[in-house]
Amino acid sequence: MPLKFKFKSREEIPSGQESLYIERDGAFVLDVEGAVEKTRLDEFRSTNVALRREVDALNTRLADNSVEALVLAAASKFGVRAAALPDLTNRARQIFRMIDGELRPVQRDGKSPVLGADGAHGTQ
């Protein structure tokens, strides 16, 4: 039978296991280094998942803003009409993704990078 991590009172601890528990914050917990309650672990996991989603959303925004900035710079350099800019930036967002901190062209699936003739990231 596995050991229970926490008991509300000393009387709940099975006979012969009292020495394995210490009193902490009004309860008796298993005296183990590095152990935490499952509820605390679940809280860390849910926070981690939420933070990962936030990072992904911020990376998407960064990539979109980077694509737009590069498109606008190139468009002004080549004299593209202002009316064409929304279509141009939309098309560029479909082609480029942030990969390893740099904008890279991707395949139609939106994930697989376009590889150059040398097998490195780039254009074909």
PDB file of N, CA and C in Angstrom:
ATOM      1  N   MET A   1       0.847  -1.173   0.000  1.00  0.00           N
ATOM      2  CA  MET A   1       0.000   0.000   0.000  1.00  0.00           C
ATOM      3  C   MET A   1       0.899   1.245   0.000  1.00  0.00           C
ATOM      4  N   PRO A   2       0.646   2.201  -0.915  1.00  0.00           N
ATOM      5  CA  PRO A   2       1.479   3.402  -0.967  1.00  0.00           C
ATOM      6  C   PRO A   2       1.239   4.292   0.248  1.00  0.00           C
ATOM      7  N   LEU A   3       2.242   5.084   0.578  1.00  0.00           N
ATOM      8  CA  LEU A   3       2.123   6.023   1.680  1.00  0.00           C
ATOM      9  C   LEU A   3       1.306   7.227   1.239  1.00  0.00           C
ATOM     10  N   LYS A   4       0.447   7.690   2.113  1.00  0.00           N
ATOM     11  CA  LYS A   4      -0.330   8.885   1.835  1.00  0.00           C
ATOM     12  C   LYS A   4       0.544  10.097   2.148  1.00  0.00           C
ATOM     13  N   PHE A   5       0.436  11.148   1.346  1.00  0.00           N
ATOM     14  CA  PHE A   5       1.301  12.314   1.503  1.00  0.00           C
ATOM     15  C   PHE A   5       0.918  13.173   2.700  1.00  0.00           C
ATOM     16  N   LYS A   6      -0.391  13.311   2.953  1.00  0.00           N
ATOM     17  CA  LYS A   6      -0.817  14.275   3.961  1.00  0.00           C
ATOM     18  C   LYS A   6      -1.997  13.746   4.789  1.00  0.00           C
ATOM     19  N   PHE A   7      -1.942  14.031   6.068  1.00  0.00           N
ATOM     20  CA  PHE A   7      -3.042  13.720   6.991  1.00  0.00           C
ATOM     21  C   PHE A   7      -3.420  14.985   7.743  1.00  0.00           C
ATOM     22  N   LYS A   8      -4.697  15.105   8.081  1.00  0.00           N
ATOM     23  CA  LYS A   8      -5.166  16.294   8.803  1.00  0.00           C
ATOM     24  C   LYS A   8      -4.776  16.258  10.276  1.00  0.00           C
ATOM     25  N   SER A   9      -4.691  15.049  10.845  1.00  0.00           N
ATOM     26  CA  SER A   9      -4.337  14.938  12.267  1.00  0.00           C
ATOM     27  C   SER A   9      -3.401  13.755  12.486  1.00  0.00           C
ATOM     28  N   ARG A  10      -2.707  13.766  13.616  1.00  0.00           N
ATOM     29  CA  ARG A  10      -1.772  12.685  13.954  1.00  0.00           C
ATOM     30  C   ARG A  10      -2.508  11.349  14.114  1.00  0.00           C
ATOM     31  N   GLU A  11      -3.759  11.389  14.552  1.00  0.00           N
ATOM     32  CA  GLU A  11      -4.539  10.178  14.784  1.00  0.00           C
ATOM     33  C   GLU A  11      -4.837   9.434  13.478  1.00  0.00           C
ATOM     34  N   GLU A  12      -4.870  10.134  12.339  1.00  0.00           N
ATOM     35  CA  GLU A  12      -5.151   9.499  11.055  1.00  0.00           C
ATOM     36  C   GLU A  12      -3.960   8.707  10.506  1.00  0.00           C
ATOM     37  N   ILE A  13      -2.765   8.992  10.997  1.00  0.00           N
ATOM     38  CA  ILE A  13      -1.561   8.329  10.492  1.00  0.00           C
ATOM     39  C   ILE A  13      -1.601   6.859  10.918  1.00  0.00           C
ATOM     40  N   PRO A  14      -1.402   5.924   9.974  1.00  0.00           N
ATOM     41  CA  PRO A  14      -1.421   4.499  10.325  1.00  0.00           C
ATOM     42  C   PRO A  14      -0.370   4.162  11.382  1.00  0.00           C
ATOM     43  N   SER A  15      -0.712   3.222  12.209  1.00  0.00           N
ATOM     44  CA  SER A  15       0.180   2.796  13.297  1.00  0.00           C
ATOM     45  C   SER A  15       1.522   2.328  12.731  1.00  0.00           C
ATOM     46  N   GLY A  16       2.604   2.797  13.346  1.00  0.00           N
ATOM     47  CA  GLY A  16       3.945   2.418  12.929  1.00  0.00           C
ATOM     48  C   GLY A  16       4.544   3.355  11.888  1.00  0.00           C
ATOM     49  N   GLN A  17       3.742   4.280  11.344  1.00  0.00           N
ATOM     50  CA  GLN A  17       4.250   5.211  10.327  1.00  0.00           C
ATOM     51  C   GLN A  17       4.378   6.640  10.855  1.00  0.00           C
ATOM     52  N   GLU A  18       4.130   6.833  12.132  1.00  0.00           N
ATOM     53  CA  GLU A  18       4.145   8.173  12.710  1.00  0.00           C
ATOM     54  C   GLU A  18       5.490   8.889  12.512  1.00  0.00           C
ATOM     55  N   SER A  19       6.573   8.151  12.562  1.00  0.00           N
ATOM     56  CA  SER A  19       7.899   8.767  12.448  1.00  0.00           C
ATOM     57  C   SER A  19       8.200   9.270  11.034  1.00  0.00           C
ATOM     58  N   LEU A  20       7.388   8.874  10.064  1.00  0.00           N
ATOM     59  CA  LEU A  20       7.602   9.295   8.679  1.00  0.00           C
ATOM     60  C   LEU A  20       6.972  10.657   8.371  1.00  0.00           C
ATOM     61  N   TYR A  21       6.187  11.184   9.305  1.00  0.00           N
ATOM     62  CA  TYR A  21       5.436  12.411   9.063  1.00  0.00           C
ATOM     63  C   TYR A  21       5.886  13.529   9.988  1.00  0.00           C
ATOM     64  N   ILE A  22       5.823  14.755   9.479  1.00  0.00           N
ATOM     65  CA  ILE A  22       6.130  15.937  10.283  1.00  0.00           C
ATOM     66  C   ILE A  22       4.944  16.884  10.196  1.00  0.00           C
ATOM     67  N   GLU A  23       4.803  17.702  11.250  1.00  0.00           N
ATOM     68  CA  GLU A  23       3.709  18.665  11.276  1.00  0.00           C
ATOM     69  C   GLU A  23       4.136  19.906  10.491  1.00  0.00           C
ATOM     70  N   ARG A  24       3.264  20.322   9.568  1.00  0.00           N
ATOM     71  CA  ARG A  24       3.524  21.520   8.770  1.00  0.00           C
ATOM     72  C   ARG A  24       2.194  22.191   8.461  1.00  0.00           C
ATOM     73  N   ASP A  25       2.077  23.460   8.823  1.00  0.00           N
ATOM     74  CA  ASP A  25       0.885  24.263   8.550  1.00  0.00           C
ATOM     75  C   ASP A  25      -0.403  23.600   9.043  1.00  0.00           C
ATOM     76  N   GLY A  26      -0.357  23.035  10.241  1.00  0.00           N
ATOM     77  CA  GLY A  26      -1.549  22.458  10.848  1.00  0.00           C
ATOM     78  C   GLY A  26      -1.927  21.076  10.351  1.00  0.00           C
ATOM     79  N   ALA A  27      -1.074  20.458   9.528  1.00  0.00           N
ATOM     80  CA  ALA A  27      -1.338  19.110   9.027  1.00  0.00           C
ATOM     81  C   ALA A  27      -0.053  18.294   9.164  1.00  0.00           C
ATOM     82  N   PHE A  28      -0.161  17.005   8.900  1.00  0.00           N
ATOM     83  CA  PHE A  28       0.997  16.117   8.979  1.00  0.00           C
ATOM     84  C   PHE A  28       1.320  15.618   7.578  1.00  0.00           C
ATOM     85  N   VAL A  29       2.529  15.941   7.112  1.00  0.00           N
ATOM     86  CA  VAL A  29       2.936  15.595   5.760  1.00  0.00           C
ATOM     87  C   VAL A  29       4.107  14.631   5.803  1.00  0.00           C
ATOM     88  N   LEU A  30       4.205  13.824   4.773  1.00  0.00           N
ATOM     89  CA  LEU A  30       5.293  12.870   4.638  1.00  0.00           C
ATOM     90  C   LEU A  30       6.601  13.643   4.565  1.00  0.00           C
ATOM     91  N   ASP A  31       7.563  13.257   5.379  1.00  0.00           N
ATOM     92  CA  ASP A  31       8.854  13.949   5.447  1.00  0.00           C
ATOM     93  C   ASP A  31       9.747  13.456   4.312  1.00  0.00           C
ATOM     94  N   VAL A  32       9.536  14.040   3.121  1.00  0.00           N
ATOM     95  CA  VAL A  32      10.275  13.649   1.927  1.00  0.00           C
ATOM     96  C   VAL A  32      10.823  14.909   1.272  1.00  0.00           C
ATOM     97  N   GLU A  33      12.064  14.871   0.883  1.00  0.00           N
ATOM     98  CA  GLU A  33      12.672  16.015   0.212  1.00  0.00           C
ATOM     99  C   GLU A  33      12.139  16.134  -1.216  1.00  0.00           C
ATOM    100  N   GLY A  34      11.676  17.340  -1.581  1.00  0.00           N
ATOM    101  CA  GLY A  34      11.249  17.608  -2.947  1.00  0.00           C
ATOM    102  C   GLY A  34       9.814  17.242  -3.270  1.00  0.00           C
ATOM    103  N   ALA A  35       9.092  16.650  -2.346  1.00  0.00           N
ATOM    104  CA  ALA A  35       7.706  16.255  -2.616  1.00  0.00           C
ATOM    105  C   ALA A  35       6.770  17.443  -2.407  1.00  0.00           C
ATOM    106  N   VAL A  36       5.781  17.549  -3.277  1.00  0.00           N
ATOM    107  CA  VAL A  36       4.754  18.587  -3.146  1.00  0.00           C
ATOM    108  C   VAL A  36       3.387  17.942  -3.328  1.00  0.00           C
ATOM    109  N   GLU A  37       2.377  18.633  -2.853  1.00  0.00           N
ATOM    110  CA  GLU A  37       1.017  18.114  -3.002  1.00  0.00           C
ATOM    111  C   GLU A  37       0.598  18.125  -4.468  1.00  0.00           C
ATOM    112  N   LYS A  38      -0.246  17.185  -4.835  1.00  0.00           N
ATOM    113  CA  LYS A  38      -0.725  17.081  -6.208  1.00  0.00           C
ATOM    114  C   LYS A  38      -1.449  18.352  -6.643  1.00  0.00           C
ATOM    115  N   THR A  39      -2.204  18.969  -5.749  1.00  0.00           N
ATOM    116  CA  THR A  39      -2.906  20.199  -6.114  1.00  0.00           C
ATOM    117  C   THR A  39      -1.926  21.298  -6.504  1.00  0.00           C
ATOM    118  N   ARG A  40      -0.792  21.347  -5.818  1.00  0.00           N
ATOM    119  CA  ARG A  40       0.240  22.348  -6.145  1.00  0.00           C
ATOM    120  C   ARG A  40       0.871  22.044  -7.507  1.00  0.00           C
ATOM    121  N   LEU A  41       1.128  20.778  -7.752  1.00  0.00           N
ATOM    122  CA  LEU A  41       1.684  20.359  -9.037  1.00  0.00           C
ATOM    123  C   LEU A  41       0.704  20.662 -10.174  1.00  0.00           C
ATOM    124  N   ASP A  42      -0.571  20.390  -9.954  1.00  0.00           N
ATOM    125  CA  ASP A  42      -1.594  20.703 -10.958  1.00  0.00           C
ATOM    126  C   ASP A  42      -1.652  22.200 -11.244  1.00  0.00           C
ATOM    127  N   GLU A  43      -1.494  23.004 -10.180  1.00  0.00           N
ATOM    128  CA  GLU A  43      -1.484  24.461 -10.348  1.00  0.00           C
ATOM    129  C   GLU A  43      -0.294  24.888 -11.210  1.00  0.00           C
ATOM    130  N   PHE A  44       0.880  24.325 -10.960  1.00  0.00           N
ATOM    131  CA  PHE A  44       2.067  24.635 -11.761  1.00  0.00           C
ATOM    132  C   PHE A  44       1.848  24.247 -13.220  1.00  0.00           C
ATOM    133  N   ARG A  45       1.273  23.077 -13.431  1.00  0.00           N
ATOM    134  CA  ARG A  45       1.025  22.614 -14.803  1.00  0.00           C
ATOM    135  C   ARG A  45       0.071  23.536 -15.545  1.00  0.00           C
ATOM    136  N   SER A  46      -1.030  23.899 -14.903  1.00  0.00           N
ATOM    137  CA  SER A  46      -2.007  24.750 -15.585  1.00  0.00           C
ATOM    138  C   SER A  46      -1.422  26.138 -15.853  1.00  0.00           C
ATOM    139  N   THR A  47      -0.621  26.643 -14.924  1.00  0.00           N
ATOM    140  CA  THR A  47       0.053  27.927 -15.144  1.00  0.00           C
ATOM    141  C   THR A  47       1.033  27.818 -16.298  1.00  0.00           C
ATOM    142  N   ASN A  48       1.765  26.718 -16.348  1.00  0.00           N
ATOM    143  CA  ASN A  48       2.739  26.499 -17.423  1.00  0.00           C
ATOM    144  C   ASN A  48       2.044  26.430 -18.773  1.00  0.00           C
ATOM    145  N   VAL A  49       0.924  25.734 -18.852  1.00  0.00           N
ATOM    146  CA  VAL A  49       0.165  25.635 -20.104  1.00  0.00           C
ATOM    147  C   VAL A  49      -0.328  27.016 -20.528  1.00  0.00           C
ATOM    148  N   ALA A  50      -0.842  27.789 -19.585  1.00  0.00           N
ATOM    149  CA  ALA A  50      -1.340  29.135 -19.902  1.00  0.00           C
ATOM    150  C   ALA A  50      -0.202  30.033 -20.384  1.00  0.00           C
ATOM    151  N   LEU A  51       0.943  29.938 -19.724  1.00  0.00           N
ATOM    152  CA  LEU A  51       2.092  30.741 -20.146  1.00  0.00           C
ATOM    153  C   LEU A  51       2.592  30.329 -21.529  1.00  0.00           C
ATOM    154  N   ARG A  52       2.570  29.022 -21.812  1.00  0.00           N
ATOM    155  CA  ARG A  52       3.002  28.543 -23.127  1.00  0.00           C
ATOM    156  C   ARG A  52       2.089  29.101 -24.223  1.00  0.00           C
ATOM    157  N   ARG A  53       0.779  29.119 -23.968  1.00  0.00           N
ATOM    158  CA  ARG A  53      -0.168  29.685 -24.933  1.00  0.00           C
ATOM    159  C   ARG A  53       0.106  31.175 -25.152  1.00  0.00           C
ATOM    160  N   GLU A  54       0.390  31.877 -24.054  1.00  0.00           N
ATOM    161  CA  GLU A  54       0.676  33.307 -24.152  1.00  0.00           C
ATOM    162  C   GLU A  54       1.955  33.557 -24.951  1.00  0.00           C
ATOM    163  N   VAL A  55       2.983  32.755 -24.712  1.00  0.00           N
ATOM    164  CA  VAL A  55       4.236  32.882 -25.470  1.00  0.00           C
ATOM    165  C   VAL A  55       3.988  32.616 -26.954  1.00  0.00           C
ATOM    166  N   ASP A  56       3.230  31.585 -27.252  1.00  0.00           N
ATOM    167  CA  ASP A  56       2.916  31.269 -28.652  1.00  0.00           C
ATOM    168  C   ASP A  56       2.170  32.421 -29.321  1.00  0.00           C
ATOM    169  N   ALA A  57       1.216  33.001 -28.603  1.00  0.00           N
ATOM    170  CA  ALA A  57       0.455  34.124 -29.162  1.00  0.00           C
ATOM    171  C   ALA A  57       1.366  35.331 -29.394  1.00  0.00           C
ATOM    172  N   LEU A  58       2.265  35.590 -28.450  1.00  0.00           N
ATOM    173  CA  LEU A  58       3.190  36.709 -28.611  1.00  0.00           C
ATOM    174  C   LEU A  58       4.167  36.462 -29.761  1.00  0.00           C
ATOM    175  N   ASN A  59       4.616  35.226 -29.918  1.00  0.00           N
ATOM    176  CA  ASN A  59       5.500  34.902 -31.037  1.00  0.00           C
ATOM    177  C   ASN A  59       4.788  35.101 -32.373  1.00  0.00           C
ATOM    178  N   THR A  60       3.517  34.739 -32.432  1.00  0.00           N
ATOM    179  CA  THR A  60       2.736  34.946 -33.649  1.00  0.00           C
ATOM    180  C   THR A  60       2.609  36.435 -33.952  1.00  0.00           C
ATOM    181  N   ARG A  61       2.317  37.222 -32.922  1.00  0.00           N
ATOM    182  CA  ARG A  61       2.212  38.674 -33.119  1.00  0.00           C
ATOM    183  C   ARG A  61       3.542  39.264 -33.561  1.00  0.00           C
ATOM    184  N   LEU A  62       4.638  38.795 -32.954  1.00  0.00           N
ATOM    185  CA  LEU A  62       5.966  39.278 -33.335  1.00  0.00           C
ATOM    186  C   LEU A  62       6.256  38.955 -34.793  1.00  0.00           C
ATOM    187  N   ALA A  63       5.952  37.746 -35.201  1.00  0.00           N
ATOM    188  CA  ALA A  63       6.182  37.347 -36.589  1.00  0.00           C
ATOM    189  C   ALA A  63       5.334  38.185 -37.537  1.00  0.00           C
ATOM    190  N   ASP A  64       4.056  38.379 -37.194  1.00  0.00           N
ATOM    191  CA  ASP A  64       3.179  39.191 -38.038  1.00  0.00           C
ATOM    192  C   ASP A  64       3.703  40.624 -38.156  1.00  0.00           C
ATOM    193  N   ASN A  65       4.117  41.195 -37.030  1.00  0.00           N
ATOM    194  CA  ASN A  65       4.640  42.560 -37.052  1.00  0.00           C
ATOM    195  C   ASN A  65       5.952  42.639 -37.820  1.00  0.00           C
ATOM    196  N   SER A  66       6.794  41.622 -37.686  1.00  0.00           N
ATOM    197  CA  SER A  66       8.063  41.604 -38.414  1.00  0.00           C
ATOM    198  C   SER A  66       7.825  41.493 -39.908  1.00  0.00           C
ATOM    199  N   VAL A  67       6.907  40.619 -40.301  1.00  0.00           N
ATOM    200  CA  VAL A  67       6.574  40.468 -41.721  1.00  0.00           C
ATOM    201  C   VAL A  67       6.052  41.795 -42.259  1.00  0.00           C
ATOM    202  N   GLU A  68       5.140  42.412 -41.521  1.00  0.00           N
ATOM    203  CA  GLU A  68       4.562  43.680 -41.982  1.00  0.00           C
ATOM    204  C   GLU A  68       5.638  44.752 -42.122  1.00  0.00           C
ATOM    205  N   ALA A  69       6.534  44.852 -41.164  1.00  0.00           N
ATOM    206  CA  ALA A  69       7.598  45.855 -41.224  1.00  0.00           C
ATOM    207  C   ALA A  69       8.504  45.623 -42.432  1.00  0.00           C
ATOM    208  N   LEU A  70       8.867  44.366 -42.669  1.00  0.00           N
ATOM    209  CA  LEU A  70       9.730  44.066 -43.816  1.00  0.00           C
ATOM    210  C   LEU A  70       9.014  44.337 -45.145  1.00  0.00           C
ATOM    211  N   VAL A  71       7.750  43.981 -45.211  1.00  0.00           N
ATOM    212  CA  VAL A  71       6.977  44.215 -46.437  1.00  0.00           C
ATOM    213  C   VAL A  71       6.849  45.706 -46.700  1.00  0.00           C
ATOM    214  N   LEU A  72       6.539  46.477 -45.665  1.00  0.00           N
ATOM    215  CA  LEU A  72       6.387  47.921 -45.846  1.00  0.00           C
ATOM    216  C   LEU A  72       7.711  48.564 -46.270  1.00  0.00           C
ATOM    217  N   ALA A  73       8.816  48.104 -45.696  1.00  0.00           N
ATOM    218  CA  ALA A  73      10.124  48.643 -46.077  1.00  0.00           C
ATOM    219  C   ALA A  73      10.424  48.326 -47.536  1.00  0.00           C
ATOM    220  N   ALA A  74      10.183  47.090 -47.928  1.00  0.00           N
ATOM    221  CA  ALA A  74      10.445  46.705 -49.319  1.00  0.00           C
ATOM    222  C   ALA A  74       9.487  47.412 -50.270  1.00  0.00           C
ATOM    223  N   ALA A  75       8.245  47.547 -49.871  1.00  0.00           N
ATOM    224  CA  ALA A  75       7.245  48.191 -50.722  1.00  0.00           C
ATOM    225  C   ALA A  75       7.604  49.651 -50.973  1.00  0.00           C
ATOM    226  N   SER A  76       8.052  50.336 -49.927  1.00  0.00           N
ATOM    227  CA  SER A  76       8.420  51.741 -50.125  1.00  0.00           C
ATOM    228  C   SER A  76       9.668  51.859 -50.993  1.00  0.00           C
ATOM    229  N   LYS A  77      10.579  50.908 -50.859  1.00  0.00           N
ATOM    230  CA  LYS A  77      11.806  50.912 -51.664  1.00  0.00           C
ATOM    231  C   LYS A  77      11.488  50.730 -53.158  1.00  0.00           C
ATOM    232  N   PHE A  78      10.496  49.881 -53.453  1.00  0.00           N
ATOM    233  CA  PHE A  78      10.174  49.569 -54.841  1.00  0.00           C
ATOM    234  C   PHE A  78       8.957  50.335 -55.372  1.00  0.00           C
ATOM    235  N   GLY A  79       8.418  51.248 -54.575  1.00  0.00           N
ATOM    236  CA  GLY A  79       7.329  52.100 -55.043  1.00  0.00           C
ATOM    237  C   GLY A  79       5.991  51.403 -55.210  1.00  0.00           C
ATOM    238  N   VAL A  80       5.692  50.428 -54.360  1.00  0.00           N
ATOM    239  CA  VAL A  80       4.400  49.730 -54.429  1.00  0.00           C
ATOM    240  C   VAL A  80       3.293  50.693 -53.997  1.00  0.00           C
ATOM    241  N   ARG A  81       2.161  50.642 -54.701  1.00  0.00           N
ATOM    242  CA  ARG A  81       1.038  51.513 -54.374  1.00  0.00           C
ATOM    243  C   ARG A  81       0.455  51.165 -53.007  1.00  0.00           C
ATOM    244  N   ALA A  82       0.019  52.167 -52.285  1.00  0.00           N
ATOM    245  CA  ALA A  82      -0.532  51.993 -50.940  1.00  0.00           C
ATOM    246  C   ALA A  82      -1.735  51.058 -50.935  1.00  0.00           C
ATOM    247  N   ALA A  83      -2.541  51.095 -51.999  1.00  0.00           N
ATOM    248  CA  ALA A  83      -3.740  50.252 -52.065  1.00  0.00           C
ATOM    249  C   ALA A  83      -3.381  48.760 -52.099  1.00  0.00           C
ATOM    250  N   ALA A  84      -2.176  48.430 -52.534  1.00  0.00           N
ATOM    251  CA  ALA A  84      -1.757  47.031 -52.639  1.00  0.00           C
ATOM    252  C   ALA A  84      -1.150  46.498 -51.338  1.00  0.00           C
ATOM    253  N   LEU A  85      -0.839  47.359 -50.390  1.00  0.00           N
ATOM    254  CA  LEU A  85      -0.145  46.936 -49.166  1.00  0.00           C
ATOM    255  C   LEU A  85      -0.912  45.911 -48.321  1.00  0.00           C
ATOM    256  N   PRO A  86      -2.226  46.082 -48.098  1.00  0.00           N
ATOM    257  CA  PRO A  86      -2.924  45.064 -47.289  1.00  0.00           C
ATOM    258  C   PRO A  86      -2.847  43.665 -47.912  1.00  0.00           C
ATOM    259  N   ASP A  87      -3.031  43.572 -49.226  1.00  0.00           N
ATOM    260  CA  ASP A  87      -2.948  42.277 -49.899  1.00  0.00           C
ATOM    261  C   ASP A  87      -1.524  41.724 -49.826  1.00  0.00           C
ATOM    262  N   LEU A  88      -0.560  42.573 -50.020  1.00  0.00           N
ATOM    263  CA  LEU A  88       0.845  42.157 -49.988  1.00  0.00           C
ATOM    264  C   LEU A  88       1.245  41.638 -48.606  1.00  0.00           C
ATOM    265  N   THR A  89       0.871  42.357 -47.557  1.00  0.00           N
ATOM    266  CA  THR A  89       1.222  41.902 -46.202  1.00  0.00           C
ATOM    267  C   THR A  89       0.479  40.618 -45.842  1.00  0.00           C
ATOM    268  N   ASN A  90      -0.771  40.479 -46.278  1.00  0.00           N
ATOM    269  CA  ASN A  90      -1.528  39.252 -46.012  1.00  0.00           C
ATOM    270  C   ASN A  90      -0.853  38.046 -46.671  1.00  0.00           C
ATOM    271  N   ARG A  91      -0.439  38.213 -47.911  1.00  0.00           N
ATOM    272  CA  ARG A  91       0.236  37.122 -48.615  1.00  0.00           C
ATOM    273  C   ARG A  91       1.573  36.783 -47.951  1.00  0.00           C
ATOM    274  N   ALA A  92       2.291  37.791 -47.509  1.00  0.00           N
ATOM    275  CA  ALA A  92       3.583  37.555 -46.855  1.00  0.00           C
ATOM    276  C   ALA A  92       3.396  36.808 -45.535  1.00  0.00           C
ATOM    277  N   ARG A  93       2.327  37.103 -44.791  1.00  0.00           N
ATOM    278  CA  ARG A  93       2.063  36.395 -43.522  1.00  0.00           C
ATOM    279  C   ARG A  93       1.782  34.912 -43.758  1.00  0.00           C
ATOM    280  N   GLN A  94       1.254  34.572 -44.916  1.00  0.00           N
ATOM    281  CA  GLN A  94       0.985  33.171 -45.244  1.00  0.00           C
ATOM    282  C   GLN A  94       2.267  32.429 -45.600  1.00  0.00           C
ATOM    283  N   ILE A  95       3.281  33.135 -46.037  1.00  0.00           N
ATOM    284  CA  ILE A  95       4.513  32.510 -46.508  1.00  0.00           C
ATOM    285  C   ILE A  95       5.586  32.442 -45.430  1.00  0.00           C
ATOM    286  N   PHE A  96       5.660  33.450 -44.556  1.00  0.00           N
ATOM    287  CA  PHE A  96       6.755  33.533 -43.591  1.00  0.00           C
ATOM    288  C   PHE A  96       6.306  33.198 -42.178  1.00  0.00           C
ATOM    289  N   ARG A  97       7.183  32.509 -41.442  1.00  0.00           N
ATOM    290  CA  ARG A  97       6.984  32.189 -40.025  1.00  0.00           C
ATOM    291  C   ARG A  97       8.281  32.483 -39.292  1.00  0.00           C
ATOM    292  N   MET A  98       8.149  32.746 -37.981  1.00  0.00           N
ATOM    293  CA  MET A  98       9.317  32.946 -37.142  1.00  0.00           C
ATOM    294  C   MET A  98       9.873  31.564 -36.786  1.00  0.00           C
ATOM    295  N   ILE A  99      11.107  31.278 -37.230  1.00  0.00           N
ATOM    296  CA  ILE A  99      11.771  30.010 -36.945  1.00  0.00           C
ATOM    297  C   ILE A  99      13.136  30.339 -36.366  1.00  0.00           C
ATOM    298  N   ASP A 100      13.382  29.870 -35.156  1.00  0.00           N
ATOM    299  CA  ASP A 100      14.643  30.136 -34.461  1.00  0.00           C
ATOM    300  C   ASP A 100      14.951  31.630 -34.406  1.00  0.00           C
ATOM    301  N   GLY A 101      13.922  32.432 -34.179  1.00  0.00           N
ATOM    302  CA  GLY A 101      14.101  33.865 -34.024  1.00  0.00           C
ATOM    303  C   GLY A 101      14.265  34.645 -35.312  1.00  0.00           C
ATOM    304  N   GLU A 102      14.102  33.992 -36.457  1.00  0.00           N
ATOM    305  CA  GLU A 102      14.228  34.671 -37.736  1.00  0.00           C
ATOM    306  C   GLU A 102      13.025  34.343 -38.612  1.00  0.00           C
ATOM    307  N   LEU A 103      12.668  35.296 -39.463  1.00  0.00           N
ATOM    308  CA  LEU A 103      11.587  35.046 -40.414  1.00  0.00           C
ATOM    309  C   LEU A 103      12.102  34.145 -41.516  1.00  0.00           C
ATOM    310  N   ARG A 104      11.376  33.046 -41.735  1.00  0.00           N
ATOM    311  CA  ARG A 104      11.765  32.077 -42.759  1.00  0.00           C
ATOM    312  C   ARG A 104      10.550  31.738 -43.604  1.00  0.00           C
ATOM    313  N   PRO A 105      10.743  31.482 -44.908  1.00  0.00           N
ATOM    314  CA  PRO A 105       9.616  31.029 -45.729  1.00  0.00           C
ATOM    315  C   PRO A 105       9.256  29.596 -45.364  1.00  0.00           C
ATOM    316  N   VAL A 106       7.958  29.267 -45.432  1.00  0.00           N
ATOM    317  CA  VAL A 106       7.492  27.920 -45.114  1.00  0.00           C
ATOM    318  C   VAL A 106       6.681  27.360 -46.277  1.00  0.00           C
ATOM    319  N   GLN A 107       6.535  26.030 -46.261  1.00  0.00           N
ATOM    320  CA  GLN A 107       5.750  25.335 -47.282  1.00  0.00           C
ATOM    321  C   GLN A 107       4.274  25.707 -47.125  1.00  0.00           C
ATOM    322  N   ARG A 108       3.443  25.212 -48.026  1.00  0.00           N
ATOM    323  CA  ARG A 108       2.003  25.520 -47.989  1.00  0.00           C
ATOM    324  C   ARG A 108       1.321  25.038 -46.709  1.00  0.00           C
ATOM    325  N   ASP A 109       1.921  24.039 -46.026  1.00  0.00           N
ATOM    326  CA  ASP A 109       1.316  23.563 -44.783  1.00  0.00           C
ATOM    327  C   ASP A 109       1.459  24.582 -43.649  1.00  0.00           C
ATOM    328  N   GLY A 110       2.274  25.625 -43.880  1.00  0.00           N
ATOM    329  CA  GLY A 110       2.462  26.672 -42.880  1.00  0.00           C
ATOM    330  C   GLY A 110       3.424  26.316 -41.775  1.00  0.00           C
ATOM    331  N   LYS A 111       4.053  25.140 -41.844  1.00  0.00           N
ATOM    332  CA  LYS A 111       4.944  24.691 -40.778  1.00  0.00           C
ATOM    333  C   LYS A 111       6.318  24.285 -41.292  1.00  0.00           C
ATOM    334  N   SER A 112       6.351  23.512 -42.358  1.00  0.00           N
ATOM    335  CA  SER A 112       7.612  22.988 -42.870  1.00  0.00           C
ATOM    336  C   SER A 112       8.409  24.091 -43.546  1.00  0.00           C
ATOM    337  N   PRO A 113       9.660  24.285 -43.114  1.00  0.00           N
ATOM    338  CA  PRO A 113      10.452  25.354 -43.716  1.00  0.00           C
ATOM    339  C   PRO A 113      10.831  25.038 -45.162  1.00  0.00           C
ATOM    340  N   VAL A 114      10.961  26.100 -45.950  1.00  0.00           N
ATOM    341  CA  VAL A 114      11.479  25.970 -47.308  1.00  0.00           C
ATOM    342  C   VAL A 114      12.991  25.879 -47.167  1.00  0.00           C
ATOM    343  N   LEU A 115      13.569  24.863 -47.781  1.00  0.00           N
ATOM    344  CA  LEU A 115      15.019  24.679 -47.686  1.00  0.00           C
ATOM    345  C   LEU A 115      15.676  25.086 -48.993  1.00  0.00           C
ATOM    346  N   GLY A 116      16.839  25.672 -48.868  1.00  0.00           N
ATOM    347  CA  GLY A 116      17.601  26.070 -50.040  1.00  0.00           C
ATOM    348  C   GLY A 116      18.276  24.868 -50.680  1.00  0.00           C
ATOM    349  N   ALA A 117      18.964  25.096 -51.776  1.00  0.00           N
ATOM    350  CA  ALA A 117      19.650  24.026 -52.492  1.00  0.00           C
ATOM    351  C   ALA A 117      20.698  23.347 -51.626  1.00  0.00           C
ATOM    352  N   ASP A 118      21.253  24.084 -50.659  1.00  0.00           N
ATOM    353  CA  ASP A 118      22.272  23.515 -49.764  1.00  0.00           C
ATOM    354  C   ASP A 118      21.677  22.792 -48.561  1.00  0.00           C
ATOM    355  N   GLY A 119      20.332  22.732 -48.486  1.00  0.00           N
ATOM    356  CA  GLY A 119      19.658  22.058 -47.389  1.00  0.00           C
ATOM    357  C   GLY A 119      19.431  22.932 -46.174  1.00  0.00           C
ATOM    358  N   ALA A 120      19.884  24.178 -46.230  1.00  0.00           N
ATOM    359  CA  ALA A 120      19.690  25.110 -45.121  1.00  0.00           C
ATOM    360  C   ALA A 120      18.416  25.918 -45.343  1.00  0.00           C
ATOM    361  N   HIS A 121      17.973  26.603 -44.290  1.00  0.00           N
ATOM    362  CA  HIS A 121      16.806  27.472 -44.418  1.00  0.00           C
ATOM    363  C   HIS A 121      17.071  28.511 -45.498  1.00  0.00           C
ATOM    364  N   GLY A 122      16.068  28.806 -46.240  1.00  0.00           N
ATOM    365  CA  GLY A 122      16.209  29.819 -47.268  1.00  0.00           C
ATOM    366  C   GLY A 122      15.174  29.639 -48.345  1.00  0.00           C
ATOM    367  N   THR A 123      15.429  30.191 -49.463  1.00  0.00           N
ATOM    368  CA  THR A 123      14.514  30.045 -50.591  1.00  0.00           C
ATOM    369  C   THR A 123      15.142  29.139 -51.614  1.00  0.00           C
ATOM    370  N   GLN A 124      14.310  28.536 -52.420  1.00  0.00           N
ATOM    371  CA  GLN A 124      14.805  27.608 -53.436  1.00  0.00           C
ATOM    372  C   GLN A 124      15.092  28.309 -54.727  1.00  0.00           C
TER     373      GLN A 124
END
